[in-house]
Protein backbone atom coordinates (compact mmCIF):
# COMPACT_ATOMS: atom_id res chain seq x y z
CA UNK A 1 -23.22 10.40 13.93
CA UNK A 2 -19.31 9.18 14.23
CA UNK A 3 -17.77 12.07 16.03
CA UNK A 4 -14.17 10.81 15.28
CA UNK A 5 -14.70 12.02 12.14
CA UNK A 6 -14.78 15.68 13.35
CA UNK A 7 -12.00 15.35 15.80
CA UNK A 8 -10.12 18.14 14.14
CA UNK A 9 -12.75 20.74 13.58
CA UNK A 10 -14.06 19.37 17.69
CA UNK A 11 -10.06 20.09 18.86
CA UNK A 12 -10.21 23.67 17.06
CA UNK A 13 -13.60 24.68 18.75
CA UNK A 14 -12.54 22.90 21.80
CA UNK A 15 -9.30 25.22 22.15
CA UNK A 16 -11.27 28.15 21.19
CA UNK A 17 -13.41 27.75 23.90
CA UNK A 18 -10.52 26.87 26.59
CA UNK A 19 -9.11 30.34 25.23
CA UNK A 20 -12.17 31.47 25.88
CA UNK A 21 -12.39 30.99 29.61
CA UNK A 22 -8.65 31.26 30.34
CA UNK A 23 -8.97 34.83 29.27
CA UNK A 24 -10.92 35.73 31.50
CA UNK A 25 -8.43 35.47 34.71
CA UNK A 26 -5.57 36.54 32.00
CA UNK A 27 -4.50 40.29 32.72
CA UNK A 28 -4.28 42.35 30.13
CA UNK A 29 -0.60 42.81 30.28
CA UNK A 30 -0.13 38.97 29.80
CA UNK A 31 -2.67 38.51 26.95
CA UNK A 32 0.17 37.65 24.53
CA UNK A 33 0.44 34.35 25.87
CA UNK A 34 -2.81 33.52 24.71
CA UNK A 35 -2.03 34.04 21.26
CA UNK A 36 1.46 31.63 22.05
CA UNK A 37 -1.11 29.02 23.55
CA UNK A 38 -3.04 28.81 20.44
CA UNK A 39 -0.44 28.35 18.30
CA UNK A 40 1.09 25.79 20.23
CA UNK A 41 -2.54 24.24 20.62
CA UNK A 42 -2.68 24.45 16.45
CA UNK A 43 0.71 22.91 16.18
CA UNK A 44 -0.29 19.99 18.43
CA UNK A 45 -3.81 19.09 16.20
CA UNK A 46 -1.48 19.84 12.74
CA UNK A 47 0.78 16.95 13.88
CA UNK A 48 -2.39 14.78 15.16
CA UNK A 49 -3.77 15.01 11.37
CA UNK A 50 -0.82 13.03 10.63
CA UNK A 51 -2.03 10.29 12.33
CA UNK A 52 -5.57 10.22 9.94
CA UNK A 53 -3.46 9.44 6.77
CA UNK A 54 -3.51 6.78 4.63
CA UNK A 55 -7.23 5.20 5.53
CA UNK A 56 -10.00 5.06 2.68
CA UNK A 57 -12.24 8.06 2.39
CA UNK A 58 -14.74 8.09 5.04
CA UNK A 59 -18.28 9.88 4.97
CA UNK A 60 -20.47 10.48 7.81
CA UNK A 61 -23.02 12.78 9.22
CA UNK A 62 -25.72 11.47 6.95
CA UNK A 63 -23.89 12.13 4.15
CA UNK A 64 -22.82 15.51 4.68
CA UNK A 65 -19.38 15.05 5.58
CA UNK A 66 -16.22 13.65 3.88
CA UNK A 67 -13.01 12.65 5.29
CA UNK A 68 -10.66 12.18 2.58
CA UNK A 69 -7.06 12.89 1.03
CA UNK A 70 -8.49 16.22 -0.44
CA UNK A 71 -10.07 17.10 3.14
CA UNK A 72 -6.91 16.16 4.74
CA UNK A 73 -4.73 18.30 2.88
CA UNK A 74 -6.80 21.47 3.39
CA UNK A 75 -7.33 20.98 6.78
CA UNK A 76 -3.60 20.73 7.32
CA UNK A 77 -3.21 23.78 5.01
CA UNK A 78 -5.55 25.86 7.18
CA UNK A 79 -4.07 24.55 10.40
CA UNK A 80 -0.57 25.97 9.16
CA UNK A 81 -2.25 29.24 8.09
CA UNK A 82 -3.99 29.51 11.43
CA UNK A 83 -0.36 28.78 13.40
CA UNK A 84 1.17 31.99 11.36
CA UNK A 85 -2.00 34.45 11.70
CA UNK A 86 -2.17 34.02 15.43
CA UNK A 87 1.82 34.50 15.69
CA UNK A 88 0.95 37.95 13.38
CA UNK A 89 -1.89 38.56 15.98
CA UNK A 90 0.76 38.56 18.93
CA UNK A 91 3.14 41.01 16.90
CA UNK A 92 -0.06 42.86 16.28
CA UNK A 93 -1.97 43.01 19.66
CA UNK A 94 -0.59 46.43 20.70
CA UNK A 95 -2.82 47.94 17.46
CA UNK A 96 -6.20 45.79 18.79
CA UNK A 97 -6.63 47.72 21.92
CA UNK A 98 -9.09 45.66 23.97
CA UNK A 99 -10.10 42.06 23.08
CA UNK A 100 -7.30 40.57 21.97
CA UNK A 101 -8.83 36.94 24.04
CA UNK A 102 -11.78 37.44 21.96
CA UNK A 103 -9.81 38.28 18.63
CA UNK A 104 -8.23 34.99 19.25
CA UNK A 105 -11.39 33.02 19.77
CA UNK A 106 -13.38 34.32 16.74
CA UNK A 107 -9.87 33.63 14.62
CA UNK A 108 -10.46 30.38 15.49
CA UNK A 109 -13.90 29.98 14.82
CA UNK A 110 -13.00 30.83 11.34
CA UNK A 111 -10.62 28.42 11.23
CA UNK A 112 -12.97 26.04 12.38
CA UNK A 113 -15.30 26.70 9.41
CA UNK A 114 -12.57 26.77 7.21
CA UNK A 115 -12.14 23.05 7.98
CA UNK A 116 -15.83 22.39 7.63
CA UNK A 117 -15.71 23.66 4.58
CA UNK A 118 -12.99 20.85 3.34
CA UNK A 119 -15.21 18.30 4.51
CA UNK A 120 -18.49 19.76 2.92
CA UNK A 121 -20.05 16.60 0.86
CA UNK A 122 -23.47 18.48 1.08
CA UNK A 123 -24.83 22.16 0.17
CA UNK A 124 -26.16 22.41 3.75
CA UNK A 125 -22.68 21.74 5.33
CA UNK A 126 -21.05 24.04 2.10
CA UNK A 127 -23.54 27.07 2.98
CA UNK A 128 -23.04 26.41 6.91
CA UNK A 129 -19.21 26.35 6.61
CA UNK A 130 -19.13 29.59 4.71
CA UNK A 131 -21.40 31.32 6.88
CA UNK A 132 -19.21 30.22 9.91
CA UNK A 133 -16.63 31.72 8.12
CA UNK A 134 -18.01 35.22 7.27
CA UNK A 135 -19.70 35.90 10.31
CA UNK A 136 -16.55 35.64 11.93
CA UNK A 137 -14.95 37.85 9.31
CA UNK A 138 -17.73 40.70 9.91
CA UNK A 139 -16.31 40.61 13.16
CA UNK A 140 -12.59 40.23 12.32
CA UNK A 141 -12.34 42.74 9.64
CA UNK A 142 -13.95 45.70 11.93
CA UNK A 143 -12.02 44.65 14.93
CA UNK A 144 -10.51 47.74 15.37
CA UNK A 145 -13.24 50.01 16.24
CA UNK A 146 -11.48 52.93 16.92
CA UNK A 147 -10.02 52.98 13.04
CA UNK A 148 -12.87 54.28 10.54
CA UNK A 149 -10.94 52.14 7.63
CA UNK A 150 -11.39 48.90 9.92
CA UNK A 151 -15.04 49.92 10.27
CA UNK A 152 -15.38 50.70 6.58
CA UNK A 153 -13.72 47.42 5.50
CA UNK A 154 -16.39 45.63 7.66
CA UNK A 155 -19.14 47.29 6.98
CA UNK A 156 -18.25 46.68 2.93
CA UNK A 157 -17.68 42.85 3.47
CA UNK A 158 -20.65 42.52 5.28
CA UNK A 159 -22.99 43.96 2.63
CA UNK A 160 -21.09 42.42 -0.45
CA UNK A 161 -20.97 38.38 1.80
CA UNK A 162 -24.69 39.39 2.26
CA UNK A 163 -24.83 39.37 -1.59
CA UNK A 164 -22.83 36.62 -2.21
CA UNK A 165 -25.18 34.31 -0.16
CA UNK A 166 -27.89 35.36 -1.25
CA UNK A 167 -26.57 33.74 -4.98
CA UNK A 168 -25.46 31.09 -2.80
CA UNK A 169 -28.73 30.12 -0.78
CA UNK A 170 -31.13 30.73 -4.10
CA UNK A 171 -29.04 28.54 -6.08
CA UNK A 172 -29.48 26.01 -3.43
CA UNK A 173 -32.59 26.03 -3.57
CA UNK A 174 -33.03 26.05 -7.45
CA UNK A 175 -30.76 22.39 -6.89
CA UNK A 176 -32.85 20.97 -4.35
CA UNK A 177 -36.09 22.02 -6.00
CA UNK A 178 -34.88 20.02 -9.11
CA UNK A 179 -32.79 17.12 -7.65
CA UNK A 180 -35.05 17.07 -4.56
CA UNK A 181 -31.33 16.51 -2.87
CA UNK A 182 -28.67 18.51 -1.62
CA UNK A 183 -26.29 15.83 -1.40
CA UNK A 184 -23.14 15.81 -3.99
CA UNK A 185 -23.19 12.22 -4.12
CA UNK A 186 -26.70 11.91 -4.79
CA UNK A 187 -26.57 14.64 -7.27
CA UNK A 188 -23.76 13.37 -9.24
CA UNK A 189 -25.53 9.62 -9.46
CA UNK A 190 -28.39 11.79 -11.07
CA UNK A 191 -26.23 13.96 -13.52
CA UNK A 192 -26.86 13.29 -16.73
CA UNK A 193 -30.96 13.46 -15.96
CA UNK A 194 -30.54 17.18 -14.10
CA UNK A 195 -27.74 18.17 -16.51
CA UNK A 196 -31.26 18.12 -18.89
CA UNK A 197 -32.88 20.85 -16.83
CA UNK A 198 -31.91 24.64 -17.34
CA UNK A 199 -33.18 25.15 -13.31
CA UNK A 200 -30.23 22.89 -12.55
CA UNK A 201 -27.65 24.90 -14.33
CA UNK A 202 -29.27 28.29 -13.04
CA UNK A 203 -29.04 27.12 -9.77
CA UNK A 204 -25.18 25.90 -10.19
CA UNK A 205 -24.11 28.83 -11.66
CA UNK A 206 -25.91 30.95 -8.82
CA UNK A 207 -23.47 29.05 -6.23
CA UNK A 208 -20.56 29.16 -8.46
CA UNK A 209 -21.16 33.21 -8.25
CA UNK A 210 -21.21 32.87 -4.71
CA UNK A 211 -18.09 31.03 -4.52
CA UNK A 212 -16.41 33.40 -6.43
CA UNK A 213 -16.85 36.31 -3.72
CA UNK A 214 -14.80 33.96 -1.14
CA UNK A 215 -11.82 33.39 -3.98
CA UNK A 216 -12.11 37.04 -5.19
CA UNK A 217 -12.47 35.91 -8.70
CA UNK A 218 -14.50 38.02 -11.38
CA UNK A 219 -17.68 39.18 -11.09
CA UNK A 220 -17.40 39.80 -7.29
CA UNK A 221 -13.85 40.48 -7.10
CA UNK A 222 -14.24 44.30 -6.28
CA UNK A 223 -14.30 43.56 -2.49
CA UNK A 224 -10.93 42.45 -1.59
CA UNK A 225 -8.26 45.68 -2.17
CA UNK A 226 -10.61 47.58 0.37
CA UNK A 227 -11.30 45.11 3.01
CA UNK A 228 -7.51 43.83 2.58
CA UNK A 229 -6.13 47.39 3.42
CA UNK A 230 -9.20 48.24 6.35
CA UNK A 231 -8.92 45.02 8.12
CA UNK A 232 -6.02 44.48 10.76
CA UNK A 233 -3.26 43.07 9.11
CA UNK A 234 -3.50 39.34 10.46
CA UNK A 235 -7.37 39.32 9.30
CA UNK A 236 -6.07 40.19 5.57
CA UNK A 237 -3.42 37.46 5.82
CA UNK A 238 -6.02 34.70 6.54
CA UNK A 239 -8.78 36.50 4.21
CA UNK A 240 -5.77 36.44 1.43
CA UNK A 241 -5.06 32.54 2.21
CA UNK A 242 -7.30 30.80 3.97
CA UNK A 243 -10.55 31.84 3.05
CA UNK A 244 -8.99 31.82 -0.52
CA UNK A 245 -8.44 28.39 0.01
CA UNK A 246 -11.52 27.53 1.62
CA UNK A 247 -13.23 28.89 -1.71
CA UNK A 248 -11.38 26.66 -3.93
CA UNK A 249 -11.88 23.67 -1.96
CA UNK A 250 -15.85 23.97 -2.58
CA UNK A 251 -15.26 25.15 -5.97
CA UNK A 252 -13.47 21.99 -6.65
CA UNK A 253 -16.12 19.87 -4.45
CA UNK A 254 -18.95 21.12 -6.27
CA UNK A 255 -17.78 20.88 -10.06
CA UNK A 256 -15.81 17.30 -9.58
CA UNK A 257 -18.12 15.78 -6.85
CA UNK A 258 -21.81 17.15 -7.23
CA UNK A 259 -21.43 18.07 -10.82
CA UNK A 260 -18.65 16.73 -12.94
CA UNK A 261 -21.35 16.34 -15.90
CA UNK A 262 -21.61 20.09 -16.62
CA UNK A 263 -17.96 20.69 -15.20
CA UNK A 264 -16.19 20.19 -19.06
CA UNK A 265 -19.72 22.32 -20.17
CA UNK A 266 -18.20 25.07 -18.16
CA UNK A 267 -14.91 24.77 -19.21
CA UNK A 268 -15.46 27.94 -21.60
CA UNK A 269 -17.01 30.22 -18.91
CA UNK A 270 -14.09 29.18 -16.01
CA UNK A 271 -11.75 30.43 -18.65
CA UNK A 272 -13.23 33.41 -19.47
CA UNK A 273 -13.54 33.97 -15.66
CA UNK A 274 -10.09 33.37 -15.35
CA UNK A 275 -8.63 35.52 -18.08
CA UNK A 276 -10.54 38.52 -16.82
CA UNK A 277 -10.09 37.89 -13.20
CA UNK A 278 -5.90 37.80 -13.94
CA UNK A 279 -5.95 41.37 -15.99
CA UNK A 280 -7.87 42.89 -13.90
CA UNK A 281 -6.19 42.05 -11.07
CA UNK A 282 -2.42 43.13 -12.33
CA UNK A 283 -3.59 45.65 -14.28
CA UNK A 284 -5.09 47.18 -11.13
CA UNK A 285 -2.08 46.63 -8.95
CA UNK A 286 0.10 49.15 -11.07
CA UNK A 287 -1.00 52.43 -9.82
CA UNK A 288 -1.28 51.03 -6.20
CA UNK A 289 1.00 52.70 -3.52
CA UNK A 290 -0.67 50.80 -0.19
CA UNK A 291 1.37 47.82 -0.18
CA UNK A 292 -2.28 46.13 1.55
CA UNK A 293 -4.22 47.25 -1.46
CA UNK A 294 -1.40 46.12 -3.78
CA UNK A 295 -1.44 42.85 -2.20
CA UNK A 296 -5.18 42.83 -2.75
CA UNK A 297 -5.52 43.35 -6.46
CA UNK A 298 -2.44 40.67 -6.47
CA UNK A 299 -4.57 37.96 -4.64
CA UNK A 300 -7.27 38.82 -7.22
CA UNK A 301 -4.90 37.92 -9.79
CA UNK A 302 -3.71 35.05 -8.27
CA UNK A 303 -7.46 33.62 -7.75
CA UNK A 304 -7.39 33.88 -11.44
CA UNK A 305 -4.15 31.83 -12.18
CA UNK A 306 -5.86 29.61 -10.02
CA UNK A 307 -8.75 29.04 -11.85
CA UNK A 308 -6.46 27.98 -14.84
CA UNK A 309 -6.18 24.68 -13.26
CA UNK A 310 -10.04 24.64 -12.29
CA UNK A 311 -10.77 25.18 -16.43
CA UNK A 312 -8.32 22.55 -17.40
CA UNK A 313 -10.85 20.28 -15.86
CA UNK A 314 -8.33 17.45 -15.29
CA UNK A 315 -6.43 15.83 -12.53
CA UNK A 316 -3.14 17.56 -13.25
CA UNK A 317 -5.13 20.93 -13.03
CA UNK A 318 -6.79 20.14 -9.80
CA UNK A 319 -3.12 19.02 -8.09
CA UNK A 320 -1.53 22.72 -9.45
CA UNK A 321 -4.08 24.04 -7.59
CA UNK A 322 -3.15 22.19 -4.51
CA UNK A 323 0.51 22.99 -4.75
CA UNK A 324 -0.20 26.44 -5.54
CA UNK A 325 -1.99 27.54 -2.62
CA UNK A 326 0.66 25.64 -0.11
CA UNK A 327 3.28 27.91 -1.92
CA UNK A 328 0.75 30.81 -1.42
CA UNK A 329 0.48 30.10 1.95
CA UNK A 330 4.57 30.51 3.14
CA UNK A 331 4.88 33.13 0.31
CA UNK A 332 1.91 35.37 1.67
CA UNK A 333 2.41 34.63 5.27
CA UNK A 334 5.85 36.02 4.90
CA UNK A 335 4.96 39.61 3.10
CA UNK A 336 2.50 40.08 5.85
CA UNK A 337 4.25 38.69 8.87
CA UNK A 338 7.35 41.61 7.73
CA UNK A 339 4.10 44.40 7.57
CA UNK A 340 2.80 43.39 10.70
CA UNK A 341 6.73 44.61 12.49
CA UNK A 342 7.70 47.49 9.71
CA UNK A 343 4.17 49.00 8.82
CA UNK A 344 3.13 50.06 11.91
CA UNK A 345 1.51 53.31 11.47
CA UNK A 346 1.93 53.61 7.58
CA UNK A 347 1.57 51.03 4.81
CA UNK A 348 2.55 53.21 2.04
CA UNK A 349 5.08 51.36 0.13
CA UNK A 350 7.31 54.37 0.70
CA UNK A 351 7.55 53.29 4.32
CA UNK A 352 9.77 50.46 3.41
CA UNK A 353 12.37 53.00 2.10
CA UNK A 354 16.06 51.58 3.49
CA UNK A 355 14.82 48.73 4.93
CA UNK A 356 17.64 46.74 3.94
CA UNK A 357 19.67 48.63 6.05
CA UNK A 358 17.15 48.56 9.31
CA UNK A 359 16.40 44.95 9.00
CA UNK A 360 18.25 42.88 6.31
CA UNK A 361 16.35 40.05 7.48
CA UNK A 362 12.89 41.86 6.99
CA UNK A 363 13.97 43.05 3.85
CA UNK A 364 15.05 39.55 2.70
CA UNK A 365 12.19 38.33 3.38
CA UNK A 366 9.77 40.33 1.89
CA UNK A 367 11.95 40.87 -1.37
CA UNK A 368 11.38 36.70 -1.73
CA UNK A 369 8.26 36.93 -0.98
CA UNK A 370 7.65 39.15 -3.63
CA UNK A 371 9.67 37.06 -6.27
CA UNK A 372 8.01 34.21 -5.77
CA UNK A 373 4.79 36.09 -6.38
CA UNK A 374 5.73 37.11 -9.56
CA UNK A 375 7.02 33.42 -10.62
CA UNK A 376 10.73 34.08 -10.90
CA UNK A 377 12.59 30.70 -10.06
CA UNK A 378 13.35 28.11 -8.27
CA UNK A 379 10.55 29.76 -5.49
CA UNK A 380 7.60 27.79 -4.84
CA UNK A 381 5.45 30.61 -6.82
CA UNK A 382 7.69 30.00 -9.86
CA UNK A 383 7.00 26.02 -9.90
CA UNK A 384 2.98 26.39 -9.12
CA UNK A 385 2.34 28.53 -12.06
CA UNK A 386 4.49 26.04 -14.40
CA UNK A 387 2.11 23.07 -13.11
CA UNK A 388 -1.11 25.42 -13.73
CA UNK A 389 0.25 26.70 -17.24
CA UNK A 390 0.98 22.86 -17.99
CA UNK A 391 -2.08 21.25 -17.09
CA UNK A 392 -3.83 23.80 -19.28
CA UNK A 393 -1.80 23.35 -21.77
CA UNK A 394 -2.75 19.50 -21.37
CA UNK A 395 -6.31 20.62 -21.97
CA UNK A 396 -5.41 22.14 -25.21
CA UNK A 397 -3.86 19.31 -26.40
CA UNK A 398 -6.37 17.32 -26.35
CA UNK A 399 -8.87 19.74 -27.39
CA UNK A 400 -9.46 19.38 -31.24
CA UNK A 401 -6.84 21.20 -33.56
CA UNK A 402 -9.85 23.93 -34.45
CA UNK A 403 -9.40 24.87 -30.49
CA UNK A 404 -6.83 27.61 -29.12
CA UNK A 405 -9.08 28.46 -25.84
CA UNK A 406 -6.44 26.78 -23.87
CA UNK A 407 -3.63 28.61 -25.66
CA UNK A 408 -5.32 31.75 -25.83
CA UNK A 409 -6.07 31.39 -21.97
CA UNK A 410 -2.31 30.69 -21.27
CA UNK A 411 -1.10 33.73 -23.53
CA UNK A 412 -3.23 35.69 -21.14
CA UNK A 413 -1.33 34.52 -18.25
CA UNK A 414 1.98 34.85 -19.31
CA UNK A 415 1.00 38.59 -20.17
CA UNK A 416 -0.13 38.89 -16.82
CA UNK A 417 2.90 37.19 -15.26
CA UNK A 418 4.86 40.19 -17.22
CA UNK A 419 2.80 42.84 -15.91
CA UNK A 420 3.25 41.78 -12.79
CA UNK A 421 6.94 41.83 -12.43
CA UNK A 422 6.72 45.99 -12.81
CA UNK A 423 4.55 46.38 -9.29
CA UNK A 424 6.36 43.61 -7.58
CA UNK A 425 9.45 44.42 -8.43
CA UNK A 426 8.99 48.03 -7.43
CA UNK A 427 8.36 46.76 -3.85
CA UNK A 428 12.26 45.44 -3.88
CA UNK A 429 13.52 48.93 -5.51
CA UNK A 430 11.97 50.89 -3.00
CA UNK A 431 13.53 48.50 -0.02
CA UNK A 432 16.90 48.49 -1.45
CA UNK A 433 17.57 51.94 -3.89
CA UNK A 434 15.85 54.40 -2.43
CA UNK A 435 16.70 57.39 -2.42
CA UNK A 436 17.59 59.32 1.01
CA UNK A 437 15.51 57.51 3.47
CA UNK A 438 13.82 59.42 6.01
CA UNK A 439 14.66 56.77 8.90
CA UNK A 440 17.48 54.66 9.11
CA UNK A 441 17.09 53.53 12.83
CA UNK A 442 17.39 49.36 13.00
CA UNK A 443 14.36 47.45 13.60
CA UNK A 444 14.54 44.72 16.51
CA UNK A 445 12.92 41.33 15.22
CA UNK A 446 11.28 39.36 17.79
CA UNK A 447 11.78 36.08 17.95
CA UNK A 448 8.24 35.35 17.87
CA UNK A 449 8.60 36.65 14.22
CA UNK A 450 12.00 35.38 13.35
CA UNK A 451 11.38 31.63 13.57
CA UNK A 452 8.07 31.99 11.36
CA UNK A 453 9.55 34.31 8.94
CA UNK A 454 12.44 31.48 8.71
CA UNK A 455 9.72 28.65 8.48
CA UNK A 456 7.84 30.83 5.33
CA UNK A 457 11.35 31.05 3.56
CA UNK A 458 12.66 27.58 3.96
CA UNK A 459 9.52 26.67 3.10
CA UNK A 460 9.34 28.99 -0.31
CA UNK A 461 12.72 27.72 -1.43
CA UNK A 462 11.74 23.60 -0.63
CA UNK A 463 8.81 24.26 -2.71
CA UNK A 464 10.60 25.65 -5.30
CA UNK A 465 13.54 23.53 -5.15
CA UNK A 466 12.21 19.71 -3.99
CA UNK A 467 8.41 19.93 -4.74
CA UNK A 468 8.08 16.04 -5.54
CA UNK A 469 6.34 15.57 -1.66
CA UNK A 470 3.63 18.01 -1.70
CA UNK A 471 3.07 17.40 -5.52
CA UNK A 472 3.04 14.12 -4.65
CA UNK A 473 0.68 14.59 -1.65
CA UNK A 474 -1.63 16.67 -3.73
CA UNK A 475 -1.92 14.33 -6.38
CA UNK A 476 -3.25 11.79 -4.41
CA UNK A 477 -5.46 14.18 -2.42
CA UNK A 478 -7.27 14.88 -5.79
CA UNK A 479 -8.13 11.18 -6.42
CA UNK A 480 -11.22 12.13 -4.36
CA UNK A 481 -12.65 14.21 -7.30
CA UNK A 482 -14.25 12.50 -10.40
CA UNK A 483 -13.04 14.01 -13.94
């Protein structure tokens, strides 16, 4: 086994074990430094990842592990998420009570699971990576043991995640029973023969249901709002960004590496799931008053938008998915950083009243994040949606003249964007135009929040105005897929 292929994953796991040992001799008053150390360690690993680009794809560990452009793109995304979430945890540590060192360790283990998922080239590694993430999140979601909402969220996540895992493992069993292998390349080589077997179709369908849970897409999307609301805010951010991205890289590998023969046949199914997910997320977000719960429904809607690129079944759609996730990373990270600072005991949107006068920086950051999520130019969210729509229209142009499926789906997506303007701009309205805000005391923003917040704001604008470099990287990364 070539351990050099696992350099990044072993680096993250080694960092987690080092933090676990250091925590033994760290006084409780200094545990915040563990979070800063974790952030610095992840930044060094992220820098190391750039030395791995440019080479041909490599497969190791018995064909289960692949290091290619797609894997490196997502690993860098996960490491960036990890840095931002760890810094959120430093700001949030007082509300976690005891165990901040363990919190960082488990967070890094979840991050390692996401990185293994990015390189999964076999259903066995896919399942192990998903379970490594899931078990870590069981603990992280319910980490605030003194808060009933956190415990309730943990139980809900545990039960529904176990259900999704059951779908996944039963689907893998059917695939293995029919194909006598779980390796993606081997299944691809036998794709035409296997496509004649209905049990193979059923197995892949059950695997897709298991992945639908991770990305919070129909029909397994109902867990997201409750879990997002009850979990500690840094954990919610990691679920919303990292876990969703891990689900999508696995979805892309299953559809376009293991079973590209069936991917084209299932375009209708993917379109239906995308349309229902978009409408469900946006319509249910309208009456929400809890900001984290609102972002939970927004996350469901965004899963629907991302499915547009998957349903397009072309390279431009897959590249749009990668670009959208990069912009989504910085947009949501900015929003959750503001929530960590402002909403300590009250997550109702009304708690944002007068924020523009209490802290123009935080208000401006959250406003830009909402505008980007709504898809307003010139921010990253707009261009991400534009690329997804363009890929879908390209798919429609390639279809027969009698087929309007792609255009109908694009119309549903546009309706979803229009609906989302209402609840995203409602947040901005409260911050800037609320009457008689109850609290106008200034908010002091520490440097550990100012720096990552500034990075997120610059990235949102940069990706919207100058997308060339990231889009070129995404286009190169999806060459690992087969359409």
